[in-house]
């Protein structure tokens, strides 16, 4: 018994509403990644001198930067997440 062809609609015909929770979480993660990279360039976690953590500190400094960036983004960050979120939802509504 042959299967009947399924009619498909063009991609632009299917409209999905903006999943605000998922979009906001994604935007916050993007902002946290950006902030982590900026913190890396400021030297956060790069201790030197007699009281530095040595090689262990160097190896785990990225975890410290990531956690600082995540906390900053969760508390509002620099507003980048909100701009990304608005852009993501606006694009879906077109």
C-alpha atoms as a PDB file:
ATOM      1  CA  UNK A   1       0.000   0.000   0.000  1.00  0.00           C
ATOM      2  CA  UNK A   2       1.728   3.230  -1.135  1.00  0.00           C
ATOM      3  CA  UNK A   3       1.817   6.228   1.133  1.00  0.00           C
ATOM      4  CA  UNK A   4       0.074   9.391   0.054  1.00  0.00           C
ATOM      5  CA  UNK A   5       2.334  12.446  -0.288  1.00  0.00           C
ATOM      6  CA  UNK A   6       2.141  14.888   2.573  1.00  0.00           C
ATOM      7  CA  UNK A   7       1.517  18.475   1.648  1.00  0.00           C
ATOM      8  CA  UNK A   8       3.993  20.739   3.342  1.00  0.00           C
ATOM      9  CA  UNK A   9       3.619  24.428   3.883  1.00  0.00           C
ATOM     10  CA  UNK A  10       6.450  26.824   3.143  1.00  0.00           C
ATOM     11  CA  UNK A  11       8.655  27.678   6.145  1.00  0.00           C
ATOM     12  CA  UNK A  12       7.386  31.248   6.314  1.00  0.00           C
ATOM     13  CA  UNK A  13       3.784  30.054   6.600  1.00  0.00           C
ATOM     14  CA  UNK A  14       4.410  28.384   9.956  1.00  0.00           C
ATOM     15  CA  UNK A  15       4.455  31.024  12.673  1.00  0.00           C
ATOM     16  CA  UNK A  16       5.677  30.205  16.134  1.00  0.00           C
ATOM     17  CA  UNK A  17       5.195  32.524  19.045  1.00  0.00           C
ATOM     18  CA  UNK A  18       8.240  33.720  20.890  1.00  0.00           C
ATOM     19  CA  UNK A  19       8.957  31.373  23.798  1.00  0.00           C
ATOM     20  CA  UNK A  20       9.850  34.154  26.185  1.00  0.00           C
ATOM     21  CA  UNK A  21      11.401  31.956  28.846  1.00  0.00           C
ATOM     22  CA  UNK A  22      13.713  30.095  26.451  1.00  0.00           C
ATOM     23  CA  UNK A  23      14.590  33.253  24.524  1.00  0.00           C
ATOM     24  CA  UNK A  24      15.414  35.168  27.723  1.00  0.00           C
ATOM     25  CA  UNK A  25      17.592  32.301  28.997  1.00  0.00           C
ATOM     26  CA  UNK A  26      19.454  32.112  25.684  1.00  0.00           C
ATOM     27  CA  UNK A  27      19.965  35.877  25.653  1.00  0.00           C
ATOM     28  CA  UNK A  28      21.283  35.765  29.214  1.00  0.00           C
ATOM     29  CA  UNK A  29      23.734  32.991  28.298  1.00  0.00           C
ATOM     30  CA  UNK A  30      24.985  35.028  25.340  1.00  0.00           C
ATOM     31  CA  UNK A  31      25.503  38.060  27.571  1.00  0.00           C
ATOM     32  CA  UNK A  32      27.334  35.911  30.139  1.00  0.00           C
ATOM     33  CA  UNK A  33      29.648  34.579  27.416  1.00  0.00           C
ATOM     34  CA  UNK A  34      30.379  38.111  26.268  1.00  0.00           C
ATOM     35  CA  UNK A  35      31.052  39.277  29.830  1.00  0.00           C
ATOM     36  CA  UNK A  36      33.343  36.305  30.500  1.00  0.00           C
ATOM     37  CA  UNK A  37      35.407  37.214  27.467  1.00  0.00           C
ATOM     38  CA  UNK A  38      35.597  40.845  28.577  1.00  0.00           C
ATOM     39  CA  UNK A  39      36.611  39.792  32.103  1.00  0.00           C
ATOM     40  CA  UNK A  40      39.352  37.639  30.584  1.00  0.00           C
ATOM     41  CA  UNK A  41      40.834  40.695  28.916  1.00  0.00           C
ATOM     42  CA  UNK A  42      40.752  42.662  32.171  1.00  0.00           C
ATOM     43  CA  UNK A  43      42.991  40.069  33.793  1.00  0.00           C
ATOM     44  CA  UNK A  44      40.471  38.790  36.348  1.00  0.00           C
ATOM     45  CA  UNK A  45      41.864  35.584  37.848  1.00  0.00           C
ATOM     46  CA  UNK A  46      45.371  36.125  36.521  1.00  0.00           C
ATOM     47  CA  UNK A  47      47.224  36.405  39.814  1.00  0.00           C
ATOM     48  CA  UNK A  48      50.930  36.919  39.979  1.00  0.00           C
ATOM     49  CA  UNK A  49      53.420  37.498  42.724  1.00  0.00           C
ATOM     50  CA  UNK A  50      54.247  35.791  45.994  1.00  0.00           C
ATOM     51  CA  UNK A  51      50.618  35.365  47.051  1.00  0.00           C
ATOM     52  CA  UNK A  52      49.202  34.025  43.795  1.00  0.00           C
ATOM     53  CA  UNK A  53      47.709  30.555  43.520  1.00  0.00           C
ATOM     54  CA  UNK A  54      50.355  29.392  41.091  1.00  0.00           C
ATOM     55  CA  UNK A  55      49.540  26.892  38.363  1.00  0.00           C
ATOM     56  CA  UNK A  56      46.299  25.816  40.041  1.00  0.00           C
ATOM     57  CA  UNK A  57      44.965  29.335  39.919  1.00  0.00           C
ATOM     58  CA  UNK A  58      45.896  29.638  36.273  1.00  0.00           C
ATOM     59  CA  UNK A  59      44.083  26.410  35.410  1.00  0.00           C
ATOM     60  CA  UNK A  60      40.856  27.324  37.185  1.00  0.00           C
ATOM     61  CA  UNK A  61      40.748  31.067  36.478  1.00  0.00           C
ATOM     62  CA  UNK A  62      38.333  30.550  33.573  1.00  0.00           C
ATOM     63  CA  UNK A  63      35.807  28.912  35.917  1.00  0.00           C
ATOM     64  CA  UNK A  64      35.985  31.948  38.198  1.00  0.00           C
ATOM     65  CA  UNK A  65      35.491  34.320  35.266  1.00  0.00           C
ATOM     66  CA  UNK A  66      32.550  32.284  33.946  1.00  0.00           C
ATOM     67  CA  UNK A  67      30.864  32.270  37.342  1.00  0.00           C
ATOM     68  CA  UNK A  68      31.363  36.020  37.769  1.00  0.00           C
ATOM     69  CA  UNK A  69      29.942  36.583  34.277  1.00  0.00           C
ATOM     70  CA  UNK A  70      26.920  34.338  34.948  1.00  0.00           C
ATOM     71  CA  UNK A  71      26.166  36.173  38.185  1.00  0.00           C
ATOM     72  CA  UNK A  72      26.532  39.551  36.498  1.00  0.00           C
ATOM     73  CA  UNK A  73      24.191  38.549  33.664  1.00  0.00           C
ATOM     74  CA  UNK A  74      21.648  37.079  36.106  1.00  0.00           C
ATOM     75  CA  UNK A  75      21.539  40.379  37.986  1.00  0.00           C
ATOM     76  CA  UNK A  76      20.913  42.497  34.909  1.00  0.00           C
ATOM     77  CA  UNK A  77      24.394  42.664  33.434  1.00  0.00           C
ATOM     78  CA  UNK A  78      24.982  45.515  31.045  1.00  0.00           C
ATOM     79  CA  UNK A  79      21.597  45.300  29.322  1.00  0.00           C
ATOM     80  CA  UNK A  80      22.857  43.237  26.424  1.00  0.00           C
ATOM     81  CA  UNK A  81      20.585  40.258  27.244  1.00  0.00           C
ATOM     82  CA  UNK A  82      17.475  42.437  27.054  1.00  0.00           C
ATOM     83  CA  UNK A  83      18.504  43.798  23.662  1.00  0.00           C
ATOM     84  CA  UNK A  84      19.201  40.280  22.364  1.00  0.00           C
ATOM     85  CA  UNK A  85      15.883  39.034  23.774  1.00  0.00           C
ATOM     86  CA  UNK A  86      13.917  41.841  22.107  1.00  0.00           C
ATOM     87  CA  UNK A  87      15.666  41.169  18.824  1.00  0.00           C
ATOM     88  CA  UNK A  88      14.986  37.417  18.987  1.00  0.00           C
ATOM     89  CA  UNK A  89      11.280  37.875  19.644  1.00  0.00           C
ATOM     90  CA  UNK A  90      10.951  40.635  17.060  1.00  0.00           C
ATOM     91  CA  UNK A  91      12.500  38.399  14.382  1.00  0.00           C
ATOM     92  CA  UNK A  92      10.051  35.593  15.175  1.00  0.00           C
ATOM     93  CA  UNK A  93       7.059  37.919  14.854  1.00  0.00           C
ATOM     94  CA  UNK A  94       7.940  38.985  11.299  1.00  0.00           C
END
